[in-house]
Amino acid sequence: MKLDPSFLTHSSEDESYLVPVSGNSFSGMVRGNKTLGAIVDLLKEETTEEEIVRKMRERFDAPEGVIEKDVSHVISELRKIGALVE
């Protein structure tokens, strides 16, 4: 899976944004924290959910299961708005 190139991303120190360009069926804006930004950055290249979890564990220290839950939730939400190419 990979982030659909019809979505633009921007991350600041504490917030991340995902915005569709014209011609996209989703017409809103996704706003999230640095976790969202890290996941979206990993989705800029072809990857798997398992690979994202592995790389997030290398970057963040979180209790068991938290990273898996966060990654699963973000991927599910991105699928709902058509932001993933699978």
N, C-alpha and C. Protein backbone atom coordinates (compact mmCIF):
# COMPACT_ATOMS: atom_id res chain seq x y z
N MET A 1 0.85 -1.18 0.00
CA MET A 1 0.00 0.00 0.00
C MET A 1 0.89 1.24 0.00
N LYS A 2 0.28 2.33 -0.43
CA LYS A 2 1.02 3.57 -0.56
C LYS A 2 0.04 4.74 -0.50
N LEU A 3 0.50 5.89 -0.05
CA LEU A 3 -0.34 7.08 -0.02
C LEU A 3 -0.67 7.49 -1.45
N ASP A 4 -1.93 7.77 -1.69
CA ASP A 4 -2.37 8.22 -3.01
C ASP A 4 -1.69 9.56 -3.31
N PRO A 5 -1.04 9.68 -4.46
CA PRO A 5 -0.33 10.93 -4.78
C PRO A 5 -1.25 12.13 -4.96
N SER A 6 -2.56 11.91 -4.97
CA SER A 6 -3.48 13.04 -5.09
C SER A 6 -3.73 13.70 -3.73
N PHE A 7 -2.99 13.30 -2.71
CA PHE A 7 -3.07 13.94 -1.40
C PHE A 7 -1.75 14.62 -1.09
N LEU A 8 -1.82 15.85 -0.66
CA LEU A 8 -0.64 16.61 -0.25
C LEU A 8 -0.50 16.51 1.26
N THR A 9 0.74 16.50 1.74
CA THR A 9 0.98 16.40 3.18
C THR A 9 1.83 17.57 3.65
N HIS A 10 1.65 17.90 4.91
CA HIS A 10 2.47 18.91 5.55
C HIS A 10 2.55 18.57 7.03
N SER A 11 3.74 18.67 7.58
CA SER A 11 3.93 18.43 9.01
C SER A 11 4.71 19.58 9.62
N SER A 12 4.26 20.01 10.78
CA SER A 12 5.00 20.97 11.59
C SER A 12 5.50 20.20 12.81
N GLU A 13 6.00 20.89 13.78
CA GLU A 13 6.55 20.22 14.96
C GLU A 13 5.51 19.35 15.67
N ASP A 14 4.28 19.84 15.80
CA ASP A 14 3.27 19.13 16.57
C ASP A 14 2.06 18.66 15.78
N GLU A 15 1.89 19.14 14.55
CA GLU A 15 0.71 18.79 13.79
C GLU A 15 1.05 18.32 12.38
N SER A 16 0.16 17.50 11.86
CA SER A 16 0.30 17.00 10.49
C SER A 16 -1.01 17.19 9.76
N TYR A 17 -0.91 17.46 8.46
CA TYR A 17 -2.09 17.71 7.64
C TYR A 17 -2.02 16.88 6.37
N LEU A 18 -3.18 16.46 5.92
CA LEU A 18 -3.32 15.71 4.69
C LEU A 18 -4.49 16.34 3.94
N VAL A 19 -4.22 16.83 2.72
CA VAL A 19 -5.22 17.58 1.96
C VAL A 19 -5.29 17.01 0.54
N PRO A 20 -6.50 16.74 0.06
CA PRO A 20 -6.62 16.24 -1.32
C PRO A 20 -6.48 17.38 -2.32
N VAL A 21 -5.96 17.06 -3.48
CA VAL A 21 -5.92 18.04 -4.57
C VAL A 21 -7.20 17.88 -5.38
N SER A 22 -7.41 18.73 -6.36
CA SER A 22 -8.64 18.68 -7.14
C SER A 22 -8.84 17.33 -7.81
N GLY A 23 -10.10 17.01 -8.01
CA GLY A 23 -10.43 15.75 -8.66
C GLY A 23 -10.52 14.59 -7.69
N ASN A 24 -10.44 14.83 -6.42
CA ASN A 24 -10.50 13.78 -5.42
C ASN A 24 -11.92 13.73 -4.86
N SER A 25 -12.41 12.54 -4.54
CA SER A 25 -13.77 12.42 -4.00
C SER A 25 -13.86 12.91 -2.56
N PHE A 26 -12.75 12.94 -1.84
CA PHE A 26 -12.73 13.47 -0.47
C PHE A 26 -12.45 14.96 -0.55
N SER A 27 -13.26 15.77 0.11
CA SER A 27 -13.09 17.22 -0.02
C SER A 27 -12.77 17.90 1.30
N GLY A 28 -12.27 17.17 2.25
CA GLY A 28 -11.95 17.76 3.54
C GLY A 28 -10.45 17.88 3.76
N MET A 29 -10.09 18.01 5.02
CA MET A 29 -8.69 18.07 5.42
C MET A 29 -8.52 17.17 6.64
N VAL A 30 -7.44 16.40 6.67
CA VAL A 30 -7.14 15.56 7.82
C VAL A 30 -6.08 16.28 8.63
N ARG A 31 -6.35 16.45 9.91
CA ARG A 31 -5.40 17.10 10.81
C ARG A 31 -5.11 16.15 11.96
N GLY A 32 -3.83 15.95 12.25
CA GLY A 32 -3.46 15.03 13.32
C GLY A 32 -2.16 15.42 13.98
N ASN A 33 -1.68 14.55 14.84
CA ASN A 33 -0.46 14.79 15.60
C ASN A 33 0.77 14.24 14.87
N LYS A 34 1.90 14.24 15.56
CA LYS A 34 3.14 13.77 14.92
C LYS A 34 3.11 12.28 14.62
N THR A 35 2.28 11.52 15.33
CA THR A 35 2.13 10.10 15.02
C THR A 35 1.52 9.94 13.63
N LEU A 36 0.46 10.69 13.35
CA LEU A 36 -0.13 10.66 12.02
C LEU A 36 0.92 11.04 10.98
N GLY A 37 1.67 12.09 11.25
CA GLY A 37 2.69 12.52 10.31
C GLY A 37 3.73 11.45 10.03
N ALA A 38 4.15 10.74 11.07
CA ALA A 38 5.15 9.68 10.89
C ALA A 38 4.59 8.54 10.04
N ILE A 39 3.34 8.17 10.30
CA ILE A 39 2.72 7.09 9.53
C ILE A 39 2.55 7.51 8.07
N VAL A 40 2.06 8.71 7.85
CA VAL A 40 1.86 9.21 6.48
C VAL A 40 3.20 9.28 5.75
N ASP A 41 4.26 9.72 6.43
CA ASP A 41 5.59 9.76 5.79
C ASP A 41 6.02 8.37 5.34
N LEU A 42 5.76 7.36 6.16
CA LEU A 42 6.12 5.99 5.80
C LEU A 42 5.29 5.48 4.63
N LEU A 43 4.09 6.02 4.49
CA LEU A 43 3.21 5.60 3.39
C LEU A 43 3.55 6.29 2.07
N LYS A 44 4.51 7.16 2.05
CA LYS A 44 4.91 7.81 0.80
C LYS A 44 5.64 6.85 -0.12
N GLU A 45 6.10 5.75 0.44
CA GLU A 45 6.74 4.68 -0.32
C GLU A 45 5.92 3.41 -0.13
N GLU A 46 5.94 2.52 -1.08
CA GLU A 46 5.22 1.25 -0.97
C GLU A 46 5.64 0.53 0.31
N THR A 47 4.67 0.09 1.10
CA THR A 47 4.97 -0.54 2.38
C THR A 47 3.82 -1.42 2.82
N THR A 48 3.98 -2.06 3.96
CA THR A 48 2.93 -2.88 4.57
C THR A 48 2.64 -2.35 5.96
N GLU A 49 1.51 -2.75 6.51
CA GLU A 49 1.17 -2.34 7.86
C GLU A 49 2.21 -2.85 8.86
N GLU A 50 2.67 -4.06 8.66
CA GLU A 50 3.68 -4.65 9.55
C GLU A 50 4.98 -3.86 9.51
N GLU A 51 5.38 -3.42 8.33
CA GLU A 51 6.61 -2.64 8.19
C GLU A 51 6.46 -1.28 8.87
N ILE A 52 5.29 -0.68 8.74
CA ILE A 52 5.05 0.60 9.41
C ILE A 52 5.16 0.43 10.92
N VAL A 53 4.54 -0.62 11.46
CA VAL A 53 4.61 -0.88 12.90
C VAL A 53 6.06 -1.06 13.34
N ARG A 54 6.84 -1.82 12.57
CA ARG A 54 8.24 -2.05 12.92
C ARG A 54 9.02 -0.74 12.97
N LYS A 55 8.84 0.09 11.96
CA LYS A 55 9.56 1.36 11.91
C LYS A 55 9.08 2.33 12.99
N MET A 56 7.81 2.30 13.31
CA MET A 56 7.29 3.16 14.38
C MET A 56 7.85 2.74 15.73
N ARG A 57 8.01 1.44 15.94
CA ARG A 57 8.61 0.96 17.20
C ARG A 57 10.05 1.43 17.35
N GLU A 58 10.76 1.51 16.23
CA GLU A 58 12.14 2.01 16.27
C GLU A 58 12.19 3.49 16.64
N ARG A 59 11.16 4.22 16.27
CA ARG A 59 11.13 5.67 16.47
C ARG A 59 10.49 6.10 17.78
N PHE A 60 9.45 5.40 18.21
CA PHE A 60 8.69 5.80 19.38
C PHE A 60 8.72 4.72 20.46
N ASP A 61 8.73 5.15 21.70
CA ASP A 61 8.65 4.24 22.84
C ASP A 61 7.21 4.28 23.35
N ALA A 62 6.50 3.17 23.21
CA ALA A 62 5.10 3.12 23.63
C ALA A 62 4.80 1.76 24.24
N PRO A 63 3.83 1.68 25.12
CA PRO A 63 3.43 0.40 25.70
C PRO A 63 3.01 -0.60 24.62
N GLU A 64 3.13 -1.86 24.93
CA GLU A 64 2.77 -2.94 24.02
C GLU A 64 1.36 -2.74 23.48
N GLY A 65 1.21 -2.84 22.18
CA GLY A 65 -0.09 -2.76 21.54
C GLY A 65 -0.52 -1.38 21.11
N VAL A 66 0.07 -0.33 21.67
CA VAL A 66 -0.35 1.03 21.35
C VAL A 66 -0.01 1.40 19.92
N ILE A 67 1.20 1.10 19.51
CA ILE A 67 1.61 1.43 18.14
C ILE A 67 0.78 0.65 17.13
N GLU A 68 0.57 -0.63 17.37
CA GLU A 68 -0.23 -1.43 16.46
C GLU A 68 -1.64 -0.85 16.33
N LYS A 69 -2.22 -0.45 17.44
CA LYS A 69 -3.57 0.12 17.44
C LYS A 69 -3.59 1.44 16.67
N ASP A 70 -2.60 2.30 16.92
CA ASP A 70 -2.54 3.59 16.23
C ASP A 70 -2.38 3.42 14.73
N VAL A 71 -1.47 2.55 14.32
CA VAL A 71 -1.23 2.33 12.90
C VAL A 71 -2.48 1.76 12.23
N SER A 72 -3.10 0.80 12.86
CA SER A 72 -4.32 0.20 12.32
C SER A 72 -5.42 1.24 12.16
N HIS A 73 -5.58 2.09 13.16
CA HIS A 73 -6.61 3.13 13.11
C HIS A 73 -6.34 4.13 11.98
N VAL A 74 -5.12 4.60 11.87
CA VAL A 74 -4.78 5.57 10.82
C VAL A 74 -5.00 4.96 9.44
N ILE A 75 -4.54 3.75 9.23
CA ILE A 75 -4.71 3.09 7.93
C ILE A 75 -6.19 2.92 7.61
N SER A 76 -6.98 2.52 8.60
CA SER A 76 -8.42 2.37 8.40
C SER A 76 -9.06 3.69 7.98
N GLU A 77 -8.71 4.78 8.65
CA GLU A 77 -9.27 6.09 8.33
C GLU A 77 -8.82 6.57 6.95
N LEU A 78 -7.57 6.32 6.61
CA LEU A 78 -7.07 6.72 5.29
C LEU A 78 -7.77 5.93 4.18
N ARG A 79 -8.07 4.67 4.44
CA ARG A 79 -8.83 3.87 3.46
C ARG A 79 -10.22 4.46 3.25
N LYS A 80 -10.87 4.88 4.33
CA LYS A 80 -12.23 5.41 4.25
C LYS A 80 -12.30 6.64 3.34
N ILE A 81 -11.25 7.45 3.33
CA ILE A 81 -11.28 8.66 2.51
C ILE A 81 -10.59 8.48 1.16
N GLY A 82 -10.17 7.26 0.87
CA GLY A 82 -9.55 6.97 -0.42
C GLY A 82 -8.13 7.49 -0.57
N ALA A 83 -7.41 7.60 0.55
CA ALA A 83 -6.06 8.16 0.51
C ALA A 83 -4.97 7.10 0.31
N LEU A 84 -5.36 5.84 0.15
CA LEU A 84 -4.37 4.78 -0.05
C LEU A 84 -4.55 4.12 -1.40
N VAL A 85 -3.42 3.76 -2.00
CA VAL A 85 -3.42 2.97 -3.22
C VAL A 85 -2.93 1.58 -2.82
N GLU A 86 -3.78 0.58 -3.08
CA GLU A 86 -3.41 -0.78 -2.66
C GLU A 86 -3.39 -1.72 -3.83
